[in-house]
Structures are given as C-alpha cells and as structure tokens.
Amino acid sequence: PGYTGPGPVIPGGCADLTPEIGITGTPVIDRATG
C-alpha cells in the first residue's frame, strides 16, 4: 500500500502462479540418505 516505485505498481497481485503459491521449485533427493 502506498508504493510508488521504482518499478510497476500491481495492486491485484501477480497472477503468474494461480490460484495459490506453495511448492514451485522442483525438490531434490539424496539417494545415499534417502
């Protein structure tokens, strides 16, 4: 609220990940320790 820059002001949020944001990056597995 009240942000004026630098950069764009996006009041409705980023719809790049919808409808929710949780786990996005691929996990990784250590086979040696399971």
PDB file of all heavy atoms in Angstrom:
ATOM      1  N   PRO A   1       0.831  -1.213   0.000  1.00  0.00           N
ATOM      2  CA  PRO A   1       0.000   0.000   0.000  1.00  0.00           C
ATOM      3  C   PRO A   1       0.861   1.258   0.000  1.00  0.00           C
ATOM      4  O   PRO A   1       1.825   1.361   0.759  1.00  0.00           O
ATOM      5  CB  PRO A   1      -0.802  -0.133   1.299  1.00  0.00           C
ATOM      6  CG  PRO A   1      -0.816  -1.597   1.590  1.00  0.00           C
ATOM      7  CD  PRO A   1       0.498  -2.121   1.108  1.00  0.00           C
ATOM      8  N   GLY A   2       0.537   2.177  -0.889  1.00  0.00           N
ATOM      9  CA  GLY A   2       1.279   3.425  -0.968  1.00  0.00           C
ATOM     10  C   GLY A   2       2.563   3.350  -1.751  1.00  0.00           C
ATOM     11  O   GLY A   2       3.263   4.364  -1.904  1.00  0.00           O
ATOM     12  N   TYR A   3       2.898   2.170  -2.293  1.00  0.00           N
ATOM     13  CA  TYR A   3       4.148   2.032  -3.055  1.00  0.00           C
ATOM     14  C   TYR A   3       4.043   2.801  -4.368  1.00  0.00           C
ATOM     15  O   TYR A   3       3.065   2.674  -5.103  1.00  0.00           O
ATOM     16  CB  TYR A   3       4.431   0.558  -3.335  1.00  0.00           C
ATOM     17  CG  TYR A   3       5.748   0.308  -4.039  1.00  0.00           C
ATOM     18  CD1 TYR A   3       6.945   0.338  -3.329  1.00  0.00           C
ATOM     19  CD2 TYR A   3       5.800   0.054  -5.402  1.00  0.00           C
ATOM     20  CE1 TYR A   3       8.151   0.099  -3.963  1.00  0.00           C
ATOM     21  CE2 TYR A   3       7.008  -0.179  -6.042  1.00  0.00           C
ATOM     22  CZ  TYR A   3       8.176  -0.148  -5.317  1.00  0.00           C
ATOM     23  OH  TYR A   3       9.380  -0.379  -5.945  1.00  0.00           O
ATOM     24  N   THR A   4       5.057   3.590  -4.672  1.00  0.00           N
ATOM     25  CA  THR A   4       5.050   4.417  -5.887  1.00  0.00           C
ATOM     26  C   THR A   4       6.218   4.118  -6.820  1.00  0.00           C
ATOM     27  O   THR A   4       6.367   4.766  -7.844  1.00  0.00           O
ATOM     28  CB  THR A   4       5.067   5.910  -5.516  1.00  0.00           C
ATOM     29  OG1 THR A   4       6.237   6.179  -4.735  1.00  0.00           O
ATOM     30  CG2 THR A   4       3.817   6.287  -4.728  1.00  0.00           C
ATOM     31  N   GLY A   5       7.050   3.171  -6.495  1.00  0.00           N
ATOM     32  CA  GLY A   5       8.183   2.847  -7.360  1.00  0.00           C
ATOM     33  C   GLY A   5       9.476   2.772  -6.563  1.00  0.00           C
ATOM     34  O   GLY A   5       9.488   3.018  -5.358  1.00  0.00           O
ATOM     35  N   PRO A   6      10.570   2.399  -7.223  1.00  0.00           N
ATOM     36  CA  PRO A   6      10.690   2.157  -8.674  1.00  0.00           C
ATOM     37  C   PRO A   6       9.976   0.886  -9.104  1.00  0.00           C
ATOM     38  O   PRO A   6       9.681   0.022  -8.291  1.00  0.00           O
ATOM     39  CB  PRO A   6      12.204   2.026  -8.858  1.00  0.00           C
ATOM     40  CG  PRO A   6      12.710   1.513  -7.541  1.00  0.00           C
ATOM     41  CD  PRO A   6      11.846   2.166  -6.506  1.00  0.00           C
ATOM     42  N   GLY A   7       9.703   0.829 -10.414  1.00  0.00           N
ATOM     43  CA  GLY A   7       9.039  -0.328 -10.959  1.00  0.00           C
ATOM     44  C   GLY A   7       7.537  -0.172 -10.975  1.00  0.00           C
ATOM     45  O   GLY A   7       6.980   0.781 -10.431  1.00  0.00           O
ATOM     46  N   PRO A   8       6.841  -1.136 -11.605  1.00  0.00           N
ATOM     47  CA  PRO A   8       5.395  -1.042 -11.744  1.00  0.00           C
ATOM     48  C   PRO A   8       4.676  -1.260 -10.416  1.00  0.00           C
ATOM     49  O   PRO A   8       5.199  -1.910  -9.508  1.00  0.00           O
ATOM     50  CB  PRO A   8       5.076  -2.163 -12.727  1.00  0.00           C
ATOM     51  CG  PRO A   8       6.167  -3.165 -12.524  1.00  0.00           C
ATOM     52  CD  PRO A   8       7.387  -2.356 -12.232  1.00  0.00           C
ATOM     53  N   VAL A   9       3.473  -0.718 -10.323  1.00  0.00           N
ATOM     54  CA  VAL A   9       2.605  -0.945  -9.178  1.00  0.00           C
ATOM     55  C   VAL A   9       1.522  -1.924  -9.625  1.00  0.00           C
ATOM     56  O   VAL A   9       0.799  -1.672 -10.584  1.00  0.00           O
ATOM     57  CB  VAL A   9       1.977   0.370  -8.676  1.00  0.00           C
ATOM     58  CG1 VAL A   9       1.016   0.092  -7.536  1.00  0.00           C
ATOM     59  CG2 VAL A   9       3.069   1.341  -8.242  1.00  0.00           C
ATOM     60  N   ILE A  10       1.426  -3.060  -8.954  1.00  0.00           N
ATOM     61  CA  ILE A  10       0.472  -4.111  -9.327  1.00  0.00           C
ATOM     62  C   ILE A  10      -0.431  -4.354  -8.120  1.00  0.00           C
ATOM     63  O   ILE A  10      -0.121  -5.170  -7.241  1.00  0.00           O
ATOM     64  CB  ILE A  10       1.201  -5.395  -9.759  1.00  0.00           C
ATOM     65  CG1 ILE A  10       2.179  -5.087 -10.896  1.00  0.00           C
ATOM     66  CG2 ILE A  10       0.208  -6.461 -10.202  1.00  0.00           C
ATOM     67  CD1 ILE A  10       2.980  -6.271 -11.383  1.00  0.00           C
ATOM     68  N   PRO A  11      -1.559  -3.635  -8.050  1.00  0.00           N
ATOM     69  CA  PRO A  11      -2.395  -3.714  -6.844  1.00  0.00           C
ATOM     70  C   PRO A  11      -3.128  -5.035  -6.685  1.00  0.00           C
ATOM     71  O   PRO A  11      -3.492  -5.407  -5.554  1.00  0.00           O
ATOM     72  CB  PRO A  11      -3.381  -2.560  -7.041  1.00  0.00           C
ATOM     73  CG  PRO A  11      -3.443  -2.339  -8.508  1.00  0.00           C
ATOM     74  CD  PRO A  11      -2.069  -2.659  -9.025  1.00  0.00           C
ATOM     75  N   GLY A  12      -3.360  -5.773  -7.776  1.00  0.00           N
ATOM     76  CA  GLY A  12      -4.118  -7.015  -7.664  1.00  0.00           C
ATOM     77  C   GLY A  12      -3.278  -8.249  -7.421  1.00  0.00           C
ATOM     78  O   GLY A  12      -3.811  -9.358  -7.340  1.00  0.00           O
ATOM     79  N   GLY A  13      -1.985  -8.084  -7.308  1.00  0.00           N
ATOM     80  CA  GLY A  13      -1.109  -9.218  -7.107  1.00  0.00           C
ATOM     81  C   GLY A  13      -0.661  -9.844  -8.411  1.00  0.00           C
ATOM     82  O   GLY A  13      -1.183  -9.539  -9.483  1.00  0.00           O
ATOM     83  N   CYS A  14       0.313 -10.730  -8.338  1.00  0.00           N
ATOM     84  CA  CYS A  14       0.885 -11.391  -9.514  1.00  0.00           C
ATOM     85  C   CYS A  14       0.106 -12.667  -9.802  1.00  0.00           C
ATOM     86  O   CYS A  14       0.092 -13.592  -8.978  1.00  0.00           O
ATOM     87  CB  CYS A  14       2.355 -11.710  -9.276  1.00  0.00           C
ATOM     88  SG  CYS A  14       3.142 -12.582 -10.648  1.00  0.00           S
ATOM     89  N   ALA A  15      -0.519 -12.732 -10.970  1.00  0.00           N
ATOM     90  CA  ALA A  15      -1.299 -13.900 -11.364  1.00  0.00           C
ATOM     91  C   ALA A  15      -0.453 -14.920 -12.119  1.00  0.00           C
ATOM     92  O   ALA A  15      -0.994 -15.767 -12.837  1.00  0.00           O
ATOM     93  CB  ALA A  15      -2.482 -13.465 -12.215  1.00  0.00           C
ATOM     94  N   ASP A  16       0.850 -14.836 -11.960  1.00  0.00           N
ATOM     95  CA  ASP A  16       1.751 -15.753 -12.647  1.00  0.00           C
ATOM     96  C   ASP A  16       1.584 -17.178 -12.121  1.00  0.00           C
ATOM     97  O   ASP A  16       1.664 -18.143 -12.865  1.00  0.00           O
ATOM     98  CB  ASP A  16       3.187 -15.270 -12.466  1.00  0.00           C
ATOM     99  CG  ASP A  16       4.146 -15.952 -13.426  1.00  0.00           C
ATOM    100  OD1 ASP A  16       3.754 -16.181 -14.576  1.00  0.00           O
ATOM    101  OD2 ASP A  16       5.276 -16.248 -13.023  1.00  0.00           O
ATOM    102  N   LEU A  17       1.407 -17.323 -10.822  1.00  0.00           N
ATOM    103  CA  LEU A  17       1.138 -18.614 -10.187  1.00  0.00           C
ATOM    104  C   LEU A  17      -0.250 -18.537  -9.568  1.00  0.00           C
ATOM    105  O   LEU A  17      -0.456 -17.812  -8.589  1.00  0.00           O
ATOM    106  CB  LEU A  17       2.181 -18.929  -9.107  1.00  0.00           C
ATOM    107  CG  LEU A  17       3.631 -19.095  -9.570  1.00  0.00           C
ATOM    108  CD1 LEU A  17       4.553 -19.232  -8.365  1.00  0.00           C
ATOM    109  CD2 LEU A  17       3.780 -20.309 -10.479  1.00  0.00           C
ATOM    110  N   THR A  18      -1.196 -19.254 -10.130  1.00  0.00           N
ATOM    111  CA  THR A  18      -2.564 -19.228  -9.627  1.00  0.00           C
ATOM    112  C   THR A  18      -3.062 -20.666  -9.480  1.00  0.00           C
ATOM    113  O   THR A  18      -2.575 -21.569 -10.159  1.00  0.00           O
ATOM    114  CB  THR A  18      -3.499 -18.468 -10.592  1.00  0.00           C
ATOM    115  OG1 THR A  18      -3.446 -19.105 -11.870  1.00  0.00           O
ATOM    116  CG2 THR A  18      -3.116 -17.008 -10.718  1.00  0.00           C
ATOM    117  N   PRO A  19      -4.025 -20.914  -8.616  1.00  0.00           N
ATOM    118  CA  PRO A  19      -4.717 -19.980  -7.724  1.00  0.00           C
ATOM    119  C   PRO A  19      -4.006 -19.773  -6.384  1.00  0.00           C
ATOM    120  O   PRO A  19      -4.452 -18.984  -5.563  1.00  0.00           O
ATOM    121  CB  PRO A  19      -6.061 -20.689  -7.506  1.00  0.00           C
ATOM    122  CG  PRO A  19      -5.715 -22.139  -7.571  1.00  0.00           C
ATOM    123  CD  PRO A  19      -4.638 -22.259  -8.604  1.00  0.00           C
ATOM    124  N   GLU A  20      -2.906 -20.503  -6.173  1.00  0.00           N
ATOM    125  CA  GLU A  20      -2.220 -20.429  -4.890  1.00  0.00           C
ATOM    126  C   GLU A  20      -0.739 -20.660  -5.104  1.00  0.00           C
ATOM    127  O   GLU A  20      -0.302 -21.181  -6.127  1.00  0.00           O
ATOM    128  CB  GLU A  20      -2.779 -21.491  -3.932  1.00  0.00           C
ATOM    129  CG  GLU A  20      -2.637 -22.916  -4.471  1.00  0.00           C
ATOM    130  CD  GLU A  20      -3.326 -23.967  -3.622  1.00  0.00           C
ATOM    131  OE1 GLU A  20      -3.653 -23.668  -2.455  1.00  0.00           O
ATOM    132  OE2 GLU A  20      -3.540 -25.094  -4.121  1.00  0.00           O
ATOM    133  N   ILE A  21       0.048 -20.248  -4.116  1.00  0.00           N
ATOM    134  CA  ILE A  21       1.500 -20.404  -4.167  1.00  0.00           C
ATOM    135  C   ILE A  21       1.929 -21.289  -3.008  1.00  0.00           C
ATOM    136  O   ILE A  21       1.619 -20.994  -1.840  1.00  0.00           O
ATOM    137  CB  ILE A  21       2.210 -19.046  -4.084  1.00  0.00           C
ATOM    138  CG1 ILE A  21       1.704 -18.112  -5.190  1.00  0.00           C
ATOM    139  CG2 ILE A  21       3.722 -19.217  -4.191  1.00  0.00           C
ATOM    140  CD1 ILE A  21       2.105 -16.666  -4.997  1.00  0.00           C
ATOM    141  N   GLY A  22       2.607 -22.375  -3.321  1.00  0.00           N
ATOM    142  CA  GLY A  22       3.068 -23.306  -2.295  1.00  0.00           C
ATOM    143  C   GLY A  22       4.442 -23.836  -2.626  1.00  0.00           C
ATOM    144  O   GLY A  22       5.456 -23.192  -2.400  1.00  0.00           O
ATOM    145  N   ILE A  23       4.499 -25.036  -3.246  1.00  0.00           N
ATOM    146  CA  ILE A  23       5.765 -25.611  -3.706  1.00  0.00           C
ATOM    147  C   ILE A  23       5.850 -25.395  -5.210  1.00  0.00           C
ATOM    148  O   ILE A  23       5.027 -25.909  -5.963  1.00  0.00           O
ATOM    149  CB  ILE A  23       5.854 -27.107  -3.384  1.00  0.00           C
ATOM    150  CG1 ILE A  23       5.761 -27.340  -1.881  1.00  0.00           C
ATOM    151  CG2 ILE A  23       7.167 -27.687  -3.930  1.00  0.00           C
ATOM    152  CD1 ILE A  23       5.619 -28.811  -1.506  1.00  0.00           C
ATOM    153  N   THR A  24       6.832 -24.619  -5.637  1.00  0.00           N
ATOM    154  CA  THR A  24       7.006 -24.320  -7.059  1.00  0.00           C
ATOM    155  C   THR A  24       8.294 -24.941  -7.599  1.00  0.00           C
ATOM    156  O   THR A  24       8.289 -25.595  -8.633  1.00  0.00           O
ATOM    157  CB  THR A  24       7.014 -22.797  -7.289  1.00  0.00           C
ATOM    158  OG1 THR A  24       5.864 -22.213  -6.682  1.00  0.00           O
ATOM    159  CG2 THR A  24       7.001 -22.474  -8.775  1.00  0.00           C
ATOM    160  N   GLY A  25       9.410 -24.738  -6.920  1.00  0.00           N
ATOM    161  CA  GLY A  25      10.687 -25.302  -7.372  1.00  0.00           C
ATOM    162  C   GLY A  25      10.734 -26.807  -7.188  1.00  0.00           C
ATOM    163  O   GLY A  25      10.241 -27.351  -6.186  1.00  0.00           O
ATOM    164  N   THR A  26      11.329 -27.503  -8.144  1.00  0.00           N
ATOM    165  CA  THR A  26      11.460 -28.965  -8.065  1.00  0.00           C
ATOM    166  C   THR A  26      12.329 -29.364  -6.872  1.00  0.00           C
ATOM    167  O   THR A  26      13.426 -28.829  -6.695  1.00  0.00           O
ATOM    168  CB  THR A  26      12.074 -29.513  -9.360  1.00  0.00           C
ATOM    169  OG1 THR A  26      11.216 -29.193 -10.459  1.00  0.00           O
ATOM    170  CG2 THR A  26      12.261 -31.019  -9.298  1.00  0.00           C
ATOM    171  N   PRO A  27      11.859 -30.314  -6.044  1.00  0.00           N
ATOM    172  CA  PRO A  27      12.686 -30.793  -4.923  1.00  0.00           C
ATOM    173  C   PRO A  27      13.935 -31.511  -5.425  1.00  0.00           C
ATOM    174  O   PRO A  27      14.146 -31.680  -6.639  1.00  0.00           O
ATOM    175  CB  PRO A  27      11.745 -31.761  -4.188  1.00  0.00           C
ATOM    176  CG  PRO A  27      10.368 -31.432  -4.667  1.00  0.00           C
ATOM    177  CD  PRO A  27      10.530 -30.936  -6.079  1.00  0.00           C
ATOM    178  N   VAL A  28      14.743 -31.975  -4.502  1.00  0.00           N
ATOM    179  CA  VAL A  28      15.929 -32.763  -4.837  1.00  0.00           C
ATOM    180  C   VAL A  28      16.037 -33.885  -3.815  1.00  0.00           C
ATOM    181  O   VAL A  28      15.626 -33.740  -2.660  1.00  0.00           O
ATOM    182  CB  VAL A  28      17.202 -31.885  -4.853  1.00  0.00           C
ATOM    183  CG1 VAL A  28      17.549 -31.365  -3.463  1.00  0.00           C
ATOM    184  CG2 VAL A  28      18.379 -32.634  -5.460  1.00  0.00           C
ATOM    185  N   ILE A  29      16.574 -35.042  -4.242  1.00  0.00           N
ATOM    186  CA  ILE A  29      16.650 -36.225  -3.394  1.00  0.00           C
ATOM    187  C   ILE A  29      18.097 -36.655  -3.216  1.00  0.00           C
ATOM    188  O   ILE A  29      18.859 -36.733  -4.188  1.00  0.00           O
ATOM    189  CB  ILE A  29      15.827 -37.385  -3.990  1.00  0.00           C
ATOM    190  CG1 ILE A  29      14.326 -37.020  -4.004  1.00  0.00           C
ATOM    191  CG2 ILE A  29      16.048 -38.675  -3.215  1.00  0.00           C
ATOM    192  CD1 ILE A  29      13.458 -38.023  -4.719  1.00  0.00           C
ATOM    193  N   ASP A  30      18.457 -36.942  -1.977  1.00  0.00           N
ATOM    194  CA  ASP A  30      19.762 -37.535  -1.655  1.00  0.00           C
ATOM    195  C   ASP A  30      19.556 -39.037  -1.552  1.00  0.00           C
ATOM    196  O   ASP A  30      18.967 -39.525  -0.583  1.00  0.00           O
ATOM    197  CB  ASP A  30      20.290 -36.964  -0.342  1.00  0.00           C
ATOM    198  CG  ASP A  30      21.686 -37.461  -0.007  1.00  0.00           C
ATOM    199  OD1 ASP A  30      22.162 -38.403  -0.667  1.00  0.00           O
ATOM    200  OD2 ASP A  30      22.297 -36.912   0.930  1.00  0.00           O
ATOM    201  N   ARG A  31      20.018 -39.785  -2.550  1.00  0.00           N
ATOM    202  CA  ARG A  31      19.809 -41.225  -2.559  1.00  0.00           C
ATOM    203  C   ARG A  31      20.552 -41.893  -1.403  1.00  0.00           C
ATOM    204  O   ARG A  31      20.064 -42.877  -0.820  1.00  0.00           O
ATOM    205  CB  ARG A  31      20.297 -41.788  -3.900  1.00  0.00           C
ATOM    206  CG  ARG A  31      20.220 -43.304  -4.002  1.00  0.00           C
ATOM    207  CD  ARG A  31      18.791 -43.754  -4.206  1.00  0.00           C
ATOM    208  NE  ARG A  31      18.550 -45.116  -3.792  1.00  0.00           N
ATOM    209  CZ  ARG A  31      17.854 -46.002  -4.487  1.00  0.00           C
ATOM    210  NH1 ARG A  31      17.340 -45.675  -5.642  1.00  0.00           N
ATOM    211  NH2 ARG A  31      17.651 -47.207  -4.030  1.00  0.00           N
ATOM    212  N   ALA A  32      21.731 -41.384  -1.063  1.00  0.00           N
ATOM    213  CA  ALA A  32      22.559 -42.024  -0.041  1.00  0.00           C
ATOM    214  C   ALA A  32      21.875 -42.032   1.318  1.00  0.00           C
ATOM    215  O   ALA A  32      21.976 -43.003   2.075  1.00  0.00           O
ATOM    216  CB  ALA A  32      23.912 -41.320   0.050  1.00  0.00           C
ATOM    217  N   THR A  33      21.158 -40.967   1.651  1.00  0.00           N
ATOM    218  CA  THR A  33      20.495 -40.886   2.952  1.00  0.00           C
ATOM    219  C   THR A  33      18.990 -41.116   2.865  1.00  0.00           C
ATOM    220  O   THR A  33      18.311 -41.146   3.888  1.00  0.00           O
ATOM    221  CB  THR A  33      20.738 -39.507   3.594  1.00  0.00           C
ATOM    222  OG1 THR A  33      20.137 -38.483   2.778  1.00  0.00           O
ATOM    223  CG2 THR A  33      22.223 -39.231   3.736  1.00  0.00           C
ATOM    224  N   GLY A  34      18.470 -41.268   1.644  1.00  0.00           N
ATOM    225  CA  GLY A  34      17.032 -41.463   1.488  1.00  0.00           C
ATOM    226  C   GLY A  34      16.235 -40.255   1.925  1.00  0.00           C
ATOM    227  O   GLY A  34      15.186 -40.392   2.560  1.00  0.00           O
TER     228      GLY A  34
END
